[in-house]
C-alpha atoms as a PDB file:
ATOM      1  CA  UNK A   1      28.319 -78.954  33.244  1.00  0.00           C
ATOM      2  CA  UNK A   2      26.154 -79.913  30.513  1.00  0.00           C
ATOM      3  CA  UNK A   3      23.843 -82.826  29.710  1.00  0.00           C
ATOM      4  CA  UNK A   4      21.710 -83.821  26.763  1.00  0.00           C
ATOM      5  CA  UNK A   5      18.952 -86.467  26.581  1.00  0.00           C
ATOM      6  CA  UNK A   6      15.944 -87.482  25.127  1.00  0.00           C
ATOM      7  CA  UNK A   7      12.349 -88.492  27.110  1.00  0.00           C
ATOM      8  CA  UNK A   8      12.836 -91.990  29.024  1.00  0.00           C
ATOM      9  CA  UNK A   9      10.853 -94.693  27.903  1.00  0.00           C
ATOM     10  CA  UNK A  10       8.613 -94.593  31.382  1.00  0.00           C
ATOM     11  CA  UNK A  11       4.837 -95.120  31.815  1.00  0.00           C
ATOM     12  CA  UNK A  12       2.317 -92.651  31.107  1.00  0.00           C
ATOM     13  CA  UNK A  13       1.566 -90.846  34.350  1.00  0.00           C
ATOM     14  CA  UNK A  14      -0.096 -87.574  34.921  1.00  0.00           C
ATOM     15  CA  UNK A  15       2.925 -86.063  36.593  1.00  0.00           C
ATOM     16  CA  UNK A  16       5.097 -87.029  33.068  1.00  0.00           C
ATOM     17  CA  UNK A  17       5.600 -84.911  30.367  1.00  0.00           C
ATOM     18  CA  UNK A  18       6.653 -86.606  27.413  1.00  0.00           C
ATOM     19  CA  UNK A  19       5.532 -83.893  25.114  1.00  0.00           C
ATOM     20  CA  UNK A  20       9.292 -82.817  24.387  1.00  0.00           C
ATOM     21  CA  UNK A  21      11.730 -84.407  21.947  1.00  0.00           C
ATOM     22  CA  UNK A  22      15.422 -83.179  23.517  1.00  0.00           C
ATOM     23  CA  UNK A  23      16.234 -81.861  26.650  1.00  0.00           C
ATOM     24  CA  UNK A  24      19.328 -80.148  27.782  1.00  0.00           C
ATOM     25  CA  UNK A  25      20.249 -79.048  31.245  1.00  0.00           C
ATOM     26  CA  UNK A  26      23.219 -76.717  32.075  1.00  0.00           C
ATOM     27  CA  UNK A  27      24.925 -75.996  35.626  1.00  0.00           C
ATOM     28  CA  UNK A  28      26.505 -73.000  36.123  1.00  0.00           C
ATOM     29  CA  UNK A  29      28.805 -72.016  39.281  1.00  0.00           C
ATOM     30  CA  UNK A  30      27.220 -68.693  39.589  1.00  0.00           C
ATOM     31  CA  UNK A  31      24.092 -66.433  38.433  1.00  0.00           C
ATOM     32  CA  UNK A  32      26.816 -64.118  37.026  1.00  0.00           C
ATOM     33  CA  UNK A  33      28.359 -67.317  34.630  1.00  0.00           C
ATOM     34  CA  UNK A  34      24.748 -67.578  33.575  1.00  0.00           C
ATOM     35  CA  UNK A  35      24.345 -64.110  32.628  1.00  0.00           C
ATOM     36  CA  UNK A  36      27.633 -64.382  30.888  1.00  0.00           C
ATOM     37  CA  UNK A  37      26.551 -67.321  28.894  1.00  0.00           C
ATOM     38  CA  UNK A  38      23.200 -65.733  27.506  1.00  0.00           C
ATOM     39  CA  UNK A  39      25.154 -63.074  25.792  1.00  0.00           C
ATOM     40  CA  UNK A  40      28.210 -64.949  24.646  1.00  0.00           C
ATOM     41  CA  UNK A  41      29.233 -64.761  21.224  1.00  0.00           C
ATOM     42  CA  UNK A  42      29.231 -68.591  20.684  1.00  0.00           C
ATOM     43  CA  UNK A  43      25.803 -68.824  22.442  1.00  0.00           C
ATOM     44  CA  UNK A  44      24.475 -65.966  20.205  1.00  0.00           C
ATOM     45  CA  UNK A  45      25.834 -67.542  17.168  1.00  0.00           C
ATOM     46  CA  UNK A  46      24.502 -70.930  17.778  1.00  0.00           C
ATOM     47  CA  UNK A  47      20.454 -69.256  18.113  1.00  0.00           C
ATOM     48  CA  UNK A  48      21.212 -67.201  14.878  1.00  0.00           C
ATOM     49  CA  UNK A  49      22.307 -70.477  13.223  1.00  0.00           C
ATOM     50  CA  UNK A  50      19.822 -73.312  14.832  1.00  0.00           C
ATOM     51  CA  UNK A  51      17.065 -71.453  15.872  1.00  0.00           C
ATOM     52  CA  UNK A  52      14.771 -72.035  13.114  1.00  0.00           C
ATOM     53  CA  UNK A  53      15.066 -76.020  14.444  1.00  0.00           C
ATOM     54  CA  UNK A  54      12.770 -75.831  16.975  1.00  0.00           C
ATOM     55  CA  UNK A  55       9.323 -74.604  17.728  1.00  0.00           C
ATOM     56  CA  UNK A  56       9.709 -73.102  21.742  1.00  0.00           C
ATOM     57  CA  UNK A  57      12.228 -73.513  24.347  1.00  0.00           C
ATOM     58  CA  UNK A  58      11.266 -74.014  27.924  1.00  0.00           C
ATOM     59  CA  UNK A  59      13.673 -72.775  30.411  1.00  0.00           C
ATOM     60  CA  UNK A  60      13.247 -73.925  34.160  1.00  0.00           C
ATOM     61  CA  UNK A  61      15.512 -71.433  36.166  1.00  0.00           C
ATOM     62  CA  UNK A  62      16.361 -73.245  39.684  1.00  0.00           C
ATOM     63  CA  UNK A  63      19.024 -72.750  42.612  1.00  0.00           C
ATOM     64  CA  UNK A  64      20.422 -75.460  44.138  1.00  0.00           C
ATOM     65  CA  UNK A  65      18.995 -75.991  47.608  1.00  0.00           C
ATOM     66  CA  UNK A  66      21.889 -77.794  49.016  1.00  0.00           C
END
């Protein structure tokens, strides 16, 4: 699954990070699927073509606790 969005216009609070412009959340069925995505030619082509558009990328890898 893939979700893309911008920061919500919520009130300023110490725990809310409004320092970003675009967020992308991806969900994979398995760690193997996520690893395959990292080296997939389409993903690598996207990085090569668009990597100049961002200053930094932050990744938060999580495992569903359910």
